[in-house]
Amino acid sequence: MTKRIAGLTLAAALAAAPGAQAATSTPGLEVGNAITATFANLAYTPAKLVVATVGLVGGGIAGFLSGGDTRTAYSLWVPMTGGSYFLRPSHLDGSEEFHFWGQHYSDEASTASSENDGSYMYDALYD
């Protein structure tokens, strides 16, 4: 019986796509979203924690095996450890975006000077 309730609650949470509900919120709808989010978190949060743990370990191993390349480690760490760890009622009513996977990090190179003569600290203090 408990598995059935958890399954139905999770299905209801996943079926509630952003923007699918009315723009005006009623107290009953808010209570329903709060209850749905609470019960859905019983299954969602442990699953997200498992994904994050696998990402942390896998990214560390991948970074180590690639000669200490942090970009390789980040390619697993950022998507797998980022994102939402809890479903909230605001996710269910569409007022806040939900992300299971983390957002991408910047692919742009740093604008810092490539010269490493040590004078940048002096310049930062007295410019």
C-alpha atoms as a PDB file:
ATOM      1  CA  MET A   1       0.000   0.000   0.000  1.00  0.00           C
ATOM      2  CA  THR A   2       2.821   2.407   0.867  1.00  0.00           C
ATOM      3  CA  LYS A   3       4.560   1.721  -2.433  1.00  0.00           C
ATOM      4  CA  ARG A   4       1.337   2.409  -4.294  1.00  0.00           C
ATOM      5  CA  ILE A   5       0.817   5.761  -2.550  1.00  0.00           C
ATOM      6  CA  ALA A   6       4.439   6.755  -3.161  1.00  0.00           C
ATOM      7  CA  GLY A   7       4.180   5.771  -6.824  1.00  0.00           C
ATOM      8  CA  LEU A   8       0.965   7.709  -7.366  1.00  0.00           C
ATOM      9  CA  THR A   9       2.387  10.741  -5.596  1.00  0.00           C
ATOM     10  CA  LEU A  10       5.549  10.657  -7.690  1.00  0.00           C
ATOM     11  CA  ALA A  11       3.537  10.238 -10.882  1.00  0.00           C
ATOM     12  CA  ALA A  12       1.387  13.234  -9.959  1.00  0.00           C
ATOM     13  CA  ALA A  13       4.479  15.321  -9.248  1.00  0.00           C
ATOM     14  CA  LEU A  14       6.117  14.427 -12.541  1.00  0.00           C
ATOM     15  CA  ALA A  15       2.902  15.007 -14.480  1.00  0.00           C
ATOM     16  CA  ALA A  16       2.618  18.543 -13.132  1.00  0.00           C
ATOM     17  CA  ALA A  17       4.604  20.259 -15.867  1.00  0.00           C
ATOM     18  CA  PRO A  18       5.637  23.892 -15.381  1.00  0.00           C
ATOM     19  CA  GLY A  19       2.906  26.230 -16.519  1.00  0.00           C
ATOM     20  CA  ALA A  20       0.340  23.448 -16.649  1.00  0.00           C
ATOM     21  CA  GLN A  21      -1.650  24.892 -13.788  1.00  0.00           C
ATOM     22  CA  ALA A  22      -3.689  28.055 -13.598  1.00  0.00           C
ATOM     23  CA  ALA A  23      -1.965  31.396 -13.116  1.00  0.00           C
ATOM     24  CA  THR A  24      -4.105  32.132 -10.078  1.00  0.00           C
ATOM     25  CA  SER A  25      -3.398  29.950  -7.097  1.00  0.00           C
ATOM     26  CA  THR A  26      -6.032  28.816  -4.638  1.00  0.00           C
ATOM     27  CA  PRO A  27      -5.419  27.667  -1.075  1.00  0.00           C
ATOM     28  CA  GLY A  28      -6.509  24.142  -2.024  1.00  0.00           C
ATOM     29  CA  LEU A  29      -4.068  24.034  -4.921  1.00  0.00           C
ATOM     30  CA  GLU A  30      -1.234  25.248  -2.698  1.00  0.00           C
ATOM     31  CA  VAL A  31      -1.999  22.572  -0.106  1.00  0.00           C
ATOM     32  CA  GLY A  32      -2.129  19.932  -2.832  1.00  0.00           C
ATOM     33  CA  ASN A  33       1.223  21.041  -4.249  1.00  0.00           C
ATOM     34  CA  ALA A  34       2.786  21.071  -0.787  1.00  0.00           C
ATOM     35  CA  ILE A  35       1.578  17.562  -0.006  1.00  0.00           C
ATOM     36  CA  THR A  36       2.595  16.258  -3.426  1.00  0.00           C
ATOM     37  CA  ALA A  37       6.070  17.788  -3.148  1.00  0.00           C
ATOM     38  CA  THR A  38       6.518  16.380   0.344  1.00  0.00           C
ATOM     39  CA  PHE A  39       5.657  12.813  -0.631  1.00  0.00           C
ATOM     40  CA  ALA A  40       7.507  13.000  -3.945  1.00  0.00           C
ATOM     41  CA  ASN A  41      10.666  14.008  -2.066  1.00  0.00           C
ATOM     42  CA  LEU A  42      10.584  10.661  -0.262  1.00  0.00           C
ATOM     43  CA  ALA A  43      11.631   9.040  -3.543  1.00  0.00           C
ATOM     44  CA  TYR A  44      13.240  11.945  -5.412  1.00  0.00           C
ATOM     45  CA  THR A  45      15.748  13.187  -2.831  1.00  0.00           C
ATOM     46  CA  PRO A  46      17.417   9.795  -2.183  1.00  0.00           C
ATOM     47  CA  ALA A  47      17.639   9.219  -5.943  1.00  0.00           C
ATOM     48  CA  LYS A  48      19.246  12.638  -6.452  1.00  0.00           C
ATOM     49  CA  LEU A  49      21.723  11.943  -3.637  1.00  0.00           C
ATOM     50  CA  VAL A  50      22.736   8.647  -5.293  1.00  0.00           C
ATOM     51  CA  VAL A  51      23.280  10.421  -8.627  1.00  0.00           C
ATOM     52  CA  ALA A  52      25.356  13.140  -6.930  1.00  0.00           C
ATOM     53  CA  THR A  53      27.475  10.586  -5.063  1.00  0.00           C
ATOM     54  CA  VAL A  54      28.140   8.622  -8.237  1.00  0.00           C
ATOM     55  CA  GLY A  55      29.065  11.890  -9.974  1.00  0.00           C
ATOM     56  CA  LEU A  56      31.470  12.922  -7.229  1.00  0.00           C
ATOM     57  CA  VAL A  57      33.249   9.576  -7.187  1.00  0.00           C
ATOM     58  CA  GLY A  58      33.190   9.169 -10.960  1.00  0.00           C
ATOM     59  CA  GLY A  59      34.470  12.694 -11.543  1.00  0.00           C
ATOM     60  CA  GLY A  60      37.304  12.145  -9.102  1.00  0.00           C
ATOM     61  CA  ILE A  61      38.299   8.905 -10.788  1.00  0.00           C
ATOM     62  CA  ALA A  62      38.022  10.414 -14.276  1.00  0.00           C
ATOM     63  CA  GLY A  63      40.080  13.427 -13.234  1.00  0.00           C
ATOM     64  CA  PHE A  64      42.744  11.227 -11.671  1.00  0.00           C
ATOM     65  CA  LEU A  65      42.943   8.892 -14.674  1.00  0.00           C
ATOM     66  CA  SER A  66      43.272  11.856 -17.044  1.00  0.00           C
ATOM     67  CA  GLY A  67      46.374  13.097 -15.276  1.00  0.00           C
ATOM     68  CA  GLY A  68      44.670  15.460 -12.873  1.00  0.00           C
ATOM     69  CA  ASP A  69      42.656  17.314 -15.498  1.00  0.00           C
ATOM     70  CA  THR A  70      40.045  19.286 -13.554  1.00  0.00           C
ATOM     71  CA  ARG A  71      37.952  19.914 -16.658  1.00  0.00           C
ATOM     72  CA  THR A  72      37.444  16.169 -16.988  1.00  0.00           C
ATOM     73  CA  ALA A  73      36.329  15.943 -13.372  1.00  0.00           C
ATOM     74  CA  TYR A  74      34.038  18.983 -13.781  1.00  0.00           C
ATOM     75  CA  SER A  75      32.381  17.353 -16.795  1.00  0.00           C
ATOM     76  CA  LEU A  76      30.882  14.856 -14.350  1.00  0.00           C
ATOM     77  CA  TRP A  77      30.705  16.951 -11.186  1.00  0.00           C
ATOM     78  CA  VAL A  78      28.757  19.918 -12.571  1.00  0.00           C
ATOM     79  CA  PRO A  79      25.819  18.118 -14.168  1.00  0.00           C
ATOM     80  CA  MET A  80      25.530  15.328 -11.618  1.00  0.00           C
ATOM     81  CA  THR A  81      25.921  17.312  -8.392  1.00  0.00           C
ATOM     82  CA  GLY A  82      24.105  20.438  -9.545  1.00  0.00           C
ATOM     83  CA  GLY A  83      20.397  20.898  -9.928  1.00  0.00           C
ATOM     84  CA  SER A  84      17.546  20.696  -7.463  1.00  0.00           C
ATOM     85  CA  TYR A  85      17.847  18.349  -4.508  1.00  0.00           C
ATOM     86  CA  PHE A  86      14.262  18.871  -3.357  1.00  0.00           C
ATOM     87  CA  LEU A  87      10.962  19.289  -5.171  1.00  0.00           C
ATOM     88  CA  ARG A  88       9.144  22.365  -3.942  1.00  0.00           C
ATOM     89  CA  PRO A  89       5.560  23.467  -4.472  1.00  0.00           C
ATOM     90  CA  SER A  90       6.903  26.301  -6.626  1.00  0.00           C
ATOM     91  CA  HIS A  91       8.359  23.695  -8.985  1.00  0.00           C
ATOM     92  CA  LEU A  92       4.996  22.016  -9.301  1.00  0.00           C
ATOM     93  CA  ASP A  93       3.011  25.187 -10.022  1.00  0.00           C
ATOM     94  CA  GLY A  94       5.560  26.377 -12.588  1.00  0.00           C
ATOM     95  CA  SER A  95       6.650  29.543 -10.791  1.00  0.00           C
ATOM     96  CA  GLU A  96      10.211  28.233 -10.403  1.00  0.00           C
ATOM     97  CA  GLU A  97      12.253  26.158 -12.836  1.00  0.00           C
ATOM     98  CA  PHE A  98      13.189  22.627 -11.876  1.00  0.00           C
ATOM     99  CA  HIS A  99      16.537  21.144 -12.934  1.00  0.00           C
ATOM    100  CA  PHE A 100      17.479  17.553 -12.220  1.00  0.00           C
ATOM    101  CA  TRP A 101      20.869  18.035 -13.878  1.00  0.00           C
ATOM    102  CA  GLY A 102      23.180  20.926 -13.033  1.00  0.00           C
ATOM    103  CA  GLN A 103      23.606  23.840 -15.352  1.00  0.00           C
ATOM    104  CA  HIS A 104      26.545  23.979 -17.700  1.00  0.00           C
ATOM    105  CA  TYR A 105      29.643  25.826 -16.655  1.00  0.00           C
ATOM    106  CA  SER A 106      31.248  28.434 -18.873  1.00  0.00           C
ATOM    107  CA  ASP A 107      33.361  27.288 -21.802  1.00  0.00           C
ATOM    108  CA  GLU A 108      34.917  30.733 -22.161  1.00  0.00           C
ATOM    109  CA  ALA A 109      38.563  31.224 -21.333  1.00  0.00           C
ATOM    110  CA  SER A 110      39.521  33.405 -18.411  1.00  0.00           C
ATOM    111  CA  THR A 111      40.211  37.072 -19.112  1.00  0.00           C
ATOM    112  CA  ALA A 112      43.084  37.094 -16.601  1.00  0.00           C
ATOM    113  CA  SER A 113      46.529  37.935 -17.905  1.00  0.00           C
ATOM    114  CA  SER A 114      48.631  34.962 -18.882  1.00  0.00           C
ATOM    115  CA  GLU A 115      51.796  36.646 -17.629  1.00  0.00           C
ATOM    116  CA  ASN A 116      52.810  35.219 -14.288  1.00  0.00           C
ATOM    117  CA  ASP A 117      55.566  37.530 -13.124  1.00  0.00           C
ATOM    118  CA  GLY A 118      54.009  38.152  -9.725  1.00  0.00           C
ATOM    119  CA  SER A 119      53.335  41.834 -10.371  1.00  0.00           C
ATOM    120  CA  TYR A 120      49.576  41.375 -10.678  1.00  0.00           C
ATOM    121  CA  MET A 121      49.257  41.364  -6.883  1.00  0.00           C
ATOM    122  CA  TYR A 122      51.082  44.669  -6.671  1.00  0.00           C
ATOM    123  CA  ASP A 123      48.978  46.116  -9.484  1.00  0.00           C
ATOM    124  CA  ALA A 124      45.757  44.948  -7.823  1.00  0.00           C
ATOM    125  CA  LEU A 125      46.660  46.704  -4.599  1.00  0.00           C
ATOM    126  CA  TYR A 126      47.795  50.043  -6.034  1.00  0.00           C
ATOM    127  CA  ASP A 127      45.849  50.629  -9.269  1.00  0.00           C
END
